[in-house]
N, C-alpha and C. Protein backbone atom coordinates (compact mmCIF):
# COMPACT_ATOMS: atom_id res chain seq x y z
N MET A 1 -114.96 71.66 63.68
CA MET A 1 -115.74 72.07 62.54
C MET A 1 -117.21 71.77 62.81
N ASN A 2 -118.00 72.65 62.43
CA ASN A 2 -119.42 72.57 62.66
C ASN A 2 -120.04 71.61 61.66
N LYS A 3 -121.11 70.91 62.05
CA LYS A 3 -121.74 69.94 61.13
C LYS A 3 -122.41 70.64 59.96
N TYR A 4 -122.84 71.91 60.14
CA TYR A 4 -123.46 72.64 59.04
C TYR A 4 -122.42 73.09 58.01
N THR A 5 -121.25 73.45 58.46
CA THR A 5 -120.20 73.86 57.53
C THR A 5 -119.67 72.67 56.74
N SER A 6 -119.61 71.50 57.35
CA SER A 6 -119.14 70.31 56.61
C SER A 6 -120.17 69.90 55.55
N ARG A 7 -121.45 70.02 55.88
CA ARG A 7 -122.49 69.73 54.89
C ARG A 7 -122.45 70.76 53.76
N ALA A 8 -122.28 72.03 54.09
CA ALA A 8 -122.23 73.08 53.10
C ALA A 8 -121.03 72.90 52.18
N SER A 9 -119.89 72.54 52.74
CA SER A 9 -118.71 72.33 51.91
C SER A 9 -118.89 71.09 51.03
N THR A 10 -119.56 70.05 51.53
CA THR A 10 -119.83 68.85 50.73
C THR A 10 -120.78 69.18 49.58
N ILE A 11 -121.78 69.96 49.84
CA ILE A 11 -122.75 70.36 48.80
C ILE A 11 -122.06 71.23 47.76
N ILE A 12 -121.19 72.14 48.18
CA ILE A 12 -120.48 73.01 47.25
C ILE A 12 -119.56 72.18 46.36
N ILE A 13 -118.83 71.25 46.95
CA ILE A 13 -117.94 70.39 46.16
C ILE A 13 -118.75 69.53 45.19
N LEU A 14 -119.87 69.02 45.65
CA LEU A 14 -120.75 68.21 44.78
C LEU A 14 -121.29 69.05 43.62
N LEU A 15 -121.70 70.28 43.88
CA LEU A 15 -122.19 71.17 42.83
C LEU A 15 -121.09 71.51 41.84
N ILE A 16 -119.87 71.69 42.33
CA ILE A 16 -118.75 71.98 41.43
C ILE A 16 -118.52 70.80 40.50
N PHE A 17 -118.51 69.58 41.02
CA PHE A 17 -118.31 68.40 40.18
C PHE A 17 -119.45 68.19 39.20
N LEU A 18 -120.68 68.45 39.63
CA LEU A 18 -121.82 68.28 38.73
C LEU A 18 -121.83 69.33 37.62
N SER A 19 -121.43 70.55 37.94
CA SER A 19 -121.43 71.59 36.90
C SER A 19 -120.22 71.46 35.98
N ALA A 20 -119.18 70.77 36.42
CA ALA A 20 -117.99 70.59 35.59
C ALA A 20 -118.19 69.54 34.51
N GLN A 21 -119.23 68.78 34.63
CA GLN A 21 -119.51 67.76 33.62
C GLN A 21 -120.02 68.46 32.36
N ALA A 22 -119.17 68.56 31.34
CA ALA A 22 -119.55 69.25 30.12
C ALA A 22 -119.96 68.27 29.03
N GLY A 23 -120.16 67.06 29.37
CA GLY A 23 -120.60 66.08 28.39
C GLY A 23 -119.47 65.51 27.56
N PHE A 24 -118.31 65.37 28.13
CA PHE A 24 -117.20 64.78 27.40
C PHE A 24 -117.35 63.27 27.43
N SER A 25 -117.63 62.73 26.29
CA SER A 25 -117.74 61.28 26.19
C SER A 25 -117.39 60.86 24.78
N PHE A 26 -117.10 59.61 24.62
CA PHE A 26 -116.80 59.08 23.30
C PHE A 26 -117.24 57.64 23.25
N SER A 27 -117.36 57.16 22.06
CA SER A 27 -117.71 55.76 21.89
C SER A 27 -116.93 55.21 20.72
N ILE A 28 -116.70 53.96 20.75
CA ILE A 28 -115.99 53.28 19.68
C ILE A 28 -116.95 52.29 19.04
N ILE A 29 -117.13 52.44 17.74
CA ILE A 29 -117.99 51.53 17.00
C ILE A 29 -117.10 50.78 16.03
N ARG A 30 -117.05 49.53 16.18
CA ARG A 30 -116.21 48.73 15.31
C ARG A 30 -117.07 48.09 14.24
N ALA A 31 -116.72 48.39 13.02
CA ALA A 31 -117.42 47.79 11.88
C ALA A 31 -116.75 46.46 11.58
N PRO A 32 -117.52 45.48 11.15
CA PRO A 32 -116.90 44.20 10.82
C PRO A 32 -115.99 44.36 9.60
N LEU A 33 -114.84 43.75 9.66
CA LEU A 33 -113.90 43.81 8.55
C LEU A 33 -114.36 42.89 7.44
N LYS A 34 -114.20 43.37 6.22
CA LYS A 34 -114.56 42.56 5.07
C LYS A 34 -113.30 41.93 4.51
N ASN A 35 -113.42 41.28 3.39
CA ASN A 35 -112.26 40.61 2.80
C ASN A 35 -111.15 41.59 2.46
N ASN A 36 -111.52 42.76 1.95
CA ASN A 36 -110.53 43.76 1.57
C ASN A 36 -110.80 45.04 2.35
N PRO A 37 -110.12 45.25 3.47
CA PRO A 37 -110.42 46.43 4.29
C PRO A 37 -109.98 47.74 3.66
N THR A 38 -109.11 47.71 2.65
CA THR A 38 -108.65 48.95 2.04
C THR A 38 -109.57 49.43 0.93
N ALA A 39 -110.47 48.59 0.44
CA ALA A 39 -111.38 48.98 -0.63
C ALA A 39 -112.46 49.90 -0.09
N ILE A 40 -112.70 50.98 -0.79
CA ILE A 40 -113.73 51.94 -0.38
C ILE A 40 -114.99 51.63 -1.17
N GLU A 41 -116.04 51.39 -0.46
CA GLU A 41 -117.30 51.01 -1.10
C GLU A 41 -118.09 52.27 -1.44
N THR A 42 -118.71 52.29 -2.61
CA THR A 42 -119.52 53.42 -3.03
C THR A 42 -120.83 53.41 -2.25
N PRO A 43 -121.21 54.56 -1.65
CA PRO A 43 -122.48 54.60 -0.93
C PRO A 43 -123.66 54.36 -1.88
N ASP A 44 -124.73 53.82 -1.36
CA ASP A 44 -125.89 53.50 -2.19
C ASP A 44 -126.50 54.72 -2.85
N TYR A 45 -126.54 55.84 -2.14
CA TYR A 45 -127.17 57.02 -2.72
C TYR A 45 -126.35 57.63 -3.85
N ASN A 46 -125.12 57.20 -4.03
CA ASN A 46 -124.27 57.70 -5.12
C ASN A 46 -124.44 56.88 -6.39
N LYS A 47 -125.09 55.75 -6.29
CA LYS A 47 -125.33 54.91 -7.46
C LYS A 47 -126.56 55.42 -8.20
N ALA A 48 -126.44 55.50 -9.51
CA ALA A 48 -127.55 56.03 -10.31
C ALA A 48 -128.76 55.11 -10.26
N SER A 49 -128.53 53.80 -10.13
CA SER A 49 -129.65 52.87 -10.07
C SER A 49 -130.50 53.08 -8.82
N VAL A 50 -129.92 53.53 -7.74
CA VAL A 50 -130.66 53.85 -6.52
C VAL A 50 -131.27 55.24 -6.63
N PHE A 51 -130.52 56.17 -7.23
CA PHE A 51 -130.96 57.55 -7.34
C PHE A 51 -132.24 57.69 -8.15
N VAL A 52 -132.39 56.90 -9.22
CA VAL A 52 -133.58 57.06 -10.07
C VAL A 52 -134.85 56.58 -9.38
N HIS A 53 -134.71 55.81 -8.30
CA HIS A 53 -135.90 55.33 -7.60
C HIS A 53 -136.20 56.13 -6.33
N MET A 54 -135.41 57.16 -6.07
CA MET A 54 -135.62 57.98 -4.87
C MET A 54 -136.72 59.01 -5.12
N SER A 55 -137.40 59.35 -4.06
CA SER A 55 -138.35 60.45 -4.14
C SER A 55 -137.62 61.73 -3.71
N PRO A 56 -138.16 62.89 -4.04
CA PRO A 56 -137.52 64.13 -3.61
C PRO A 56 -137.38 64.22 -2.08
N ARG A 57 -138.32 63.67 -1.36
CA ARG A 57 -138.25 63.68 0.11
C ARG A 57 -137.09 62.81 0.61
N GLU A 58 -136.93 61.63 0.00
CA GLU A 58 -135.81 60.77 0.39
C GLU A 58 -134.48 61.43 0.07
N PHE A 59 -134.40 62.11 -1.08
CA PHE A 59 -133.18 62.81 -1.45
C PHE A 59 -132.89 63.94 -0.47
N SER A 60 -133.94 64.63 -0.01
CA SER A 60 -133.77 65.69 0.98
C SER A 60 -133.23 65.12 2.29
N ASP A 61 -133.71 63.94 2.66
CA ASP A 61 -133.23 63.31 3.88
C ASP A 61 -131.76 62.93 3.77
N VAL A 62 -131.35 62.46 2.60
CA VAL A 62 -129.95 62.05 2.40
C VAL A 62 -129.04 63.26 2.41
N THR A 63 -129.43 64.32 1.71
CA THR A 63 -128.56 65.49 1.61
C THR A 63 -128.67 66.41 2.82
N GLY A 64 -129.80 66.38 3.50
CA GLY A 64 -129.98 67.25 4.66
C GLY A 64 -130.52 68.62 4.30
N HIS A 65 -130.89 68.85 3.04
CA HIS A 65 -131.44 70.13 2.61
C HIS A 65 -132.80 69.90 1.96
N LYS A 66 -133.76 70.73 2.33
CA LYS A 66 -135.08 70.63 1.74
C LYS A 66 -135.06 71.22 0.34
N LEU A 67 -135.68 70.53 -0.61
CA LEU A 67 -135.69 70.98 -2.00
C LEU A 67 -136.83 71.97 -2.23
N THR A 68 -136.54 73.01 -2.99
CA THR A 68 -137.58 73.96 -3.37
C THR A 68 -138.37 73.36 -4.53
N LEU A 69 -139.40 74.06 -4.96
CA LEU A 69 -140.24 73.57 -6.05
C LEU A 69 -139.43 73.38 -7.33
N PHE A 70 -138.60 74.37 -7.68
CA PHE A 70 -137.81 74.27 -8.91
C PHE A 70 -136.75 73.18 -8.80
N GLN A 71 -136.20 72.98 -7.60
CA GLN A 71 -135.22 71.91 -7.41
C GLN A 71 -135.88 70.53 -7.53
N ARG A 72 -137.12 70.41 -7.06
CA ARG A 72 -137.83 69.13 -7.21
C ARG A 72 -138.12 68.83 -8.68
N ILE A 73 -138.49 69.87 -9.43
CA ILE A 73 -138.73 69.68 -10.87
C ILE A 73 -137.44 69.28 -11.56
N TYR A 74 -136.34 69.96 -11.24
CA TYR A 74 -135.05 69.63 -11.84
C TYR A 74 -134.60 68.23 -11.41
N PHE A 75 -134.92 67.84 -10.17
CA PHE A 75 -134.61 66.51 -9.67
C PHE A 75 -135.27 65.45 -10.55
N LYS A 76 -136.53 65.65 -10.90
CA LYS A 76 -137.24 64.70 -11.76
C LYS A 76 -136.65 64.67 -13.17
N VAL A 77 -136.23 65.83 -13.68
CA VAL A 77 -135.60 65.89 -15.01
C VAL A 77 -134.30 65.10 -15.01
N ILE A 78 -133.49 65.27 -13.97
CA ILE A 78 -132.22 64.55 -13.86
C ILE A 78 -132.49 63.05 -13.73
N GLN A 79 -133.50 62.66 -12.98
CA GLN A 79 -133.83 61.24 -12.87
C GLN A 79 -134.18 60.66 -14.23
N ARG A 80 -134.95 61.38 -15.03
CA ARG A 80 -135.32 60.89 -16.35
C ARG A 80 -134.08 60.73 -17.24
N GLN A 81 -133.15 61.69 -17.18
CA GLN A 81 -131.92 61.60 -17.97
C GLN A 81 -131.06 60.43 -17.51
N LEU A 82 -131.01 60.21 -16.21
CA LEU A 82 -130.22 59.10 -15.69
C LEU A 82 -130.81 57.75 -16.07
N ARG A 83 -132.13 57.65 -16.13
CA ARG A 83 -132.76 56.39 -16.56
C ARG A 83 -132.34 56.03 -17.98
N ARG A 84 -132.26 57.04 -18.85
CA ARG A 84 -131.81 56.79 -20.22
C ARG A 84 -130.35 56.35 -20.24
N GLN A 85 -129.52 56.98 -19.42
CA GLN A 85 -128.10 56.64 -19.38
C GLN A 85 -127.87 55.26 -18.78
N LEU A 86 -128.75 54.84 -17.86
CA LEU A 86 -128.59 53.53 -17.22
C LEU A 86 -128.78 52.37 -18.20
N ARG A 87 -129.50 52.60 -19.26
CA ARG A 87 -129.67 51.54 -20.26
C ARG A 87 -128.33 51.18 -20.89
N ASN A 88 -127.48 52.18 -21.10
CA ASN A 88 -126.18 51.95 -21.72
C ASN A 88 -125.12 51.53 -20.71
N ASN A 89 -125.20 52.04 -19.49
CA ASN A 89 -124.18 51.77 -18.48
C ASN A 89 -124.86 51.49 -17.14
N PRO A 90 -125.11 50.22 -16.79
CA PRO A 90 -125.81 49.90 -15.55
C PRO A 90 -125.02 50.24 -14.28
N ALA A 91 -123.71 50.37 -14.38
CA ALA A 91 -122.89 50.68 -13.20
C ALA A 91 -122.61 52.18 -13.08
N LEU A 92 -123.48 53.00 -13.62
CA LEU A 92 -123.27 54.45 -13.65
C LEU A 92 -123.37 55.03 -12.25
N LEU A 93 -122.44 55.94 -11.95
CA LEU A 93 -122.47 56.68 -10.69
C LEU A 93 -122.89 58.12 -10.98
N ILE A 94 -123.46 58.76 -10.01
CA ILE A 94 -123.89 60.14 -10.19
C ILE A 94 -122.68 61.04 -10.41
N ASP A 95 -121.55 60.73 -9.76
CA ASP A 95 -120.34 61.53 -9.94
C ASP A 95 -119.86 61.48 -11.38
N ASP A 96 -120.05 60.35 -12.07
CA ASP A 96 -119.65 60.26 -13.47
C ASP A 96 -120.54 61.13 -14.35
N TYR A 97 -121.80 61.24 -13.99
CA TYR A 97 -122.76 61.97 -14.80
C TYR A 97 -122.70 63.47 -14.55
N LEU A 98 -122.48 63.86 -13.31
CA LEU A 98 -122.51 65.27 -12.94
C LEU A 98 -121.10 65.76 -12.69
N ASP A 99 -120.67 66.72 -13.47
CA ASP A 99 -119.37 67.35 -13.29
C ASP A 99 -119.59 68.67 -12.55
N GLN A 100 -119.04 68.78 -11.35
CA GLN A 100 -119.27 69.96 -10.52
C GLN A 100 -118.75 71.22 -11.18
N LYS A 101 -117.61 71.16 -11.86
CA LYS A 101 -117.02 72.35 -12.47
C LYS A 101 -117.76 72.76 -13.73
N LYS A 102 -118.42 71.81 -14.37
CA LYS A 102 -119.10 72.10 -15.63
C LYS A 102 -120.33 73.00 -15.42
N GLY A 103 -120.98 72.92 -14.30
CA GLY A 103 -122.21 73.65 -14.06
C GLY A 103 -122.03 75.10 -13.66
N LYS A 104 -120.80 75.55 -13.49
CA LYS A 104 -120.55 76.92 -13.04
C LYS A 104 -120.73 77.90 -14.20
N PHE A 105 -121.38 79.01 -13.92
CA PHE A 105 -121.59 80.05 -14.93
C PHE A 105 -120.39 80.99 -14.94
N LYS A 106 -119.85 81.24 -16.13
CA LYS A 106 -118.75 82.18 -16.29
C LYS A 106 -119.25 83.35 -17.13
N PHE A 107 -119.17 84.52 -16.57
CA PHE A 107 -119.65 85.73 -17.22
C PHE A 107 -118.73 86.09 -18.38
N ASP A 108 -119.32 86.36 -19.56
CA ASP A 108 -118.55 86.77 -20.73
C ASP A 108 -118.84 88.24 -21.00
N ALA A 109 -117.88 89.09 -20.67
CA ALA A 109 -118.08 90.54 -20.76
C ALA A 109 -118.27 91.00 -22.21
N LEU A 110 -117.61 90.35 -23.14
CA LEU A 110 -117.72 90.75 -24.55
C LEU A 110 -119.16 90.66 -25.03
N TRP A 111 -119.81 89.53 -24.79
CA TRP A 111 -121.19 89.35 -25.25
C TRP A 111 -122.17 90.21 -24.47
N PHE A 112 -121.85 90.50 -23.21
CA PHE A 112 -122.68 91.41 -22.44
C PHE A 112 -122.66 92.81 -23.07
N VAL A 113 -121.46 93.28 -23.42
CA VAL A 113 -121.32 94.62 -24.02
C VAL A 113 -121.98 94.66 -25.40
N ILE A 114 -121.77 93.60 -26.20
CA ILE A 114 -122.37 93.57 -27.54
C ILE A 114 -123.89 93.66 -27.45
N ALA A 115 -124.49 92.83 -26.57
CA ALA A 115 -125.95 92.84 -26.44
C ALA A 115 -126.44 94.12 -25.76
N SER A 116 -125.60 94.75 -24.94
CA SER A 116 -126.00 96.01 -24.29
C SER A 116 -126.13 97.14 -25.31
N PHE A 117 -125.29 97.10 -26.34
CA PHE A 117 -125.33 98.19 -27.33
C PHE A 117 -126.26 97.93 -28.50
N ILE A 118 -126.33 96.66 -28.97
CA ILE A 118 -127.17 96.42 -30.16
C ILE A 118 -128.42 95.61 -29.85
N GLY A 119 -128.65 95.30 -28.58
CA GLY A 119 -129.91 94.71 -28.15
C GLY A 119 -130.18 93.32 -28.67
N PRO A 120 -131.36 93.09 -29.25
CA PRO A 120 -131.75 91.74 -29.66
C PRO A 120 -130.84 91.17 -30.75
N LEU A 121 -130.23 92.02 -31.53
CA LEU A 121 -129.30 91.53 -32.54
C LEU A 121 -128.07 90.89 -31.88
N GLY A 122 -127.65 91.41 -30.74
CA GLY A 122 -126.53 90.82 -29.99
C GLY A 122 -126.86 89.43 -29.47
N VAL A 123 -128.10 89.23 -29.01
CA VAL A 123 -128.52 87.90 -28.55
C VAL A 123 -128.56 86.93 -29.73
N LEU A 124 -129.07 87.39 -30.86
CA LEU A 124 -129.11 86.56 -32.05
C LEU A 124 -127.70 86.17 -32.50
N LEU A 125 -126.77 87.12 -32.46
CA LEU A 125 -125.38 86.82 -32.81
C LEU A 125 -124.76 85.81 -31.84
N ALA A 126 -125.12 85.89 -30.57
CA ALA A 126 -124.59 84.93 -29.59
C ALA A 126 -125.08 83.52 -29.90
N TYR A 127 -126.31 83.39 -30.38
CA TYR A 127 -126.85 82.08 -30.72
C TYR A 127 -126.17 81.48 -31.95
N ILE A 128 -125.87 82.31 -32.95
CA ILE A 128 -125.35 81.75 -34.20
C ILE A 128 -123.83 81.77 -34.28
N SER A 129 -123.15 82.36 -33.29
CA SER A 129 -121.68 82.43 -33.35
C SER A 129 -121.06 81.10 -32.96
N HIS A 130 -119.90 80.86 -33.51
CA HIS A 130 -119.10 79.69 -33.15
C HIS A 130 -117.93 80.18 -32.32
N GLY A 131 -117.75 79.59 -31.16
CA GLY A 131 -116.67 80.02 -30.27
C GLY A 131 -115.33 79.47 -30.70
N GLN A 132 -114.28 80.14 -30.29
CA GLN A 132 -112.94 79.66 -30.54
C GLN A 132 -112.62 78.55 -29.56
N LYS A 133 -111.72 77.66 -29.95
CA LYS A 133 -111.39 76.53 -29.09
C LYS A 133 -110.61 76.96 -27.85
N LYS A 134 -109.90 78.08 -27.93
CA LYS A 134 -109.11 78.55 -26.80
C LYS A 134 -109.96 79.35 -25.81
N GLN A 135 -111.19 79.62 -26.16
CA GLN A 135 -112.06 80.43 -25.31
C GLN A 135 -112.47 79.64 -24.07
N LYS A 136 -112.48 80.29 -22.92
CA LYS A 136 -112.77 79.61 -21.65
C LYS A 136 -114.26 79.47 -21.39
N THR A 137 -115.09 80.28 -22.02
CA THR A 137 -116.53 80.21 -21.77
C THR A 137 -117.19 79.31 -22.81
N THR A 138 -118.29 78.70 -22.40
CA THR A 138 -119.04 77.83 -23.30
C THR A 138 -120.08 78.65 -24.05
N LYS A 139 -120.75 78.02 -24.98
CA LYS A 139 -121.79 78.71 -25.75
C LYS A 139 -122.94 79.11 -24.84
N LYS A 140 -123.25 78.26 -23.88
CA LYS A 140 -124.33 78.57 -22.94
C LYS A 140 -123.98 79.82 -22.13
N ASP A 141 -122.72 79.96 -21.73
CA ASP A 141 -122.29 81.14 -20.99
C ASP A 141 -122.37 82.40 -21.85
N ARG A 142 -122.00 82.27 -23.14
CA ARG A 142 -122.08 83.41 -24.05
C ARG A 142 -123.53 83.86 -24.22
N ILE A 143 -124.41 82.90 -24.39
CA ILE A 143 -125.82 83.23 -24.60
C ILE A 143 -126.42 83.86 -23.34
N THR A 144 -126.10 83.30 -22.17
CA THR A 144 -126.61 83.86 -20.92
C THR A 144 -126.09 85.28 -20.71
N SER A 145 -124.81 85.50 -20.99
CA SER A 145 -124.25 86.85 -20.85
C SER A 145 -124.91 87.81 -21.83
N ALA A 146 -125.21 87.33 -23.05
CA ALA A 146 -125.89 88.18 -24.02
C ALA A 146 -127.31 88.52 -23.55
N TRP A 147 -128.01 87.57 -22.97
CA TRP A 147 -129.35 87.86 -22.44
C TRP A 147 -129.28 88.87 -21.30
N LEU A 148 -128.26 88.76 -20.45
CA LEU A 148 -128.09 89.76 -19.39
C LEU A 148 -127.81 91.14 -19.98
N GLY A 149 -127.00 91.17 -21.04
CA GLY A 149 -126.74 92.43 -21.74
C GLY A 149 -128.00 92.99 -22.37
N PHE A 150 -128.83 92.11 -22.94
CA PHE A 150 -130.10 92.56 -23.52
C PHE A 150 -131.02 93.13 -22.44
N LEU A 151 -131.02 92.51 -21.26
CA LEU A 151 -131.82 93.02 -20.15
C LEU A 151 -131.34 94.43 -19.77
N PHE A 152 -130.02 94.61 -19.73
CA PHE A 152 -129.47 95.94 -19.46
C PHE A 152 -129.87 96.92 -20.57
N PHE A 153 -129.86 96.44 -21.82
CA PHE A 153 -130.26 97.26 -22.96
C PHE A 153 -131.72 97.72 -22.82
N VAL A 154 -132.59 96.82 -22.43
CA VAL A 154 -134.02 97.15 -22.26
C VAL A 154 -134.20 98.17 -21.14
N ILE A 155 -133.49 97.98 -20.03
CA ILE A 155 -133.61 98.93 -18.92
C ILE A 155 -133.06 100.30 -19.33
N TRP A 156 -131.90 100.29 -19.96
CA TRP A 156 -131.25 101.55 -20.37
C TRP A 156 -132.06 102.25 -21.46
N PHE A 157 -132.47 101.52 -22.48
CA PHE A 157 -133.23 102.09 -23.59
C PHE A 157 -134.62 102.52 -23.13
N GLY A 158 -135.23 101.74 -22.26
CA GLY A 158 -136.55 102.07 -21.74
C GLY A 158 -136.52 103.31 -20.86
N SER A 159 -135.44 103.48 -20.11
CA SER A 159 -135.37 104.66 -19.24
C SER A 159 -135.20 105.95 -20.04
N LEU A 160 -134.65 105.86 -21.25
CA LEU A 160 -134.55 107.06 -22.10
C LEU A 160 -135.91 107.57 -22.54
N PHE A 161 -136.82 106.65 -22.80
CA PHE A 161 -138.15 107.05 -23.26
C PHE A 161 -139.11 107.36 -22.10
N ILE A 162 -138.87 106.78 -20.95
CA ILE A 162 -139.76 107.04 -19.81
C ILE A 162 -139.45 108.38 -19.20
N PHE A 163 -138.17 108.72 -19.07
CA PHE A 163 -137.79 109.97 -18.40
C PHE A 163 -137.48 110.98 -19.42
């Protein structure tokens, strides 16, 4: 075997091994055990007492999402509400205060149609109506749907006079 071919084969084998390294690695980090290893500790950012002292930038760092202008304003409003709630309950968690399912908007077709046909009177009726207990939508959802219907009414009614 030629000395050049043995060097070439060694370089080829070395290049194959170097290119095969895809970065497979792992590490083990052992946390010190506390008195009760089964107890799950609440993270600091989930406590309302920590949340009310955070800035919008710190909250963005914790969540990983940058807040828009309206989200920063709403962030300050929520902080003010939580400060009031903390007076009554110092151990308040954000999860207790914020219900994820409660904030979802549910479209109410009935109020949309009512406001679409009778316009501002439909919105007024949505404000003064009392909902049934079996109804799945809240008053806020009824009012929002009525406003959307009123918007449709304005577009529809306005297009009759423009064209």
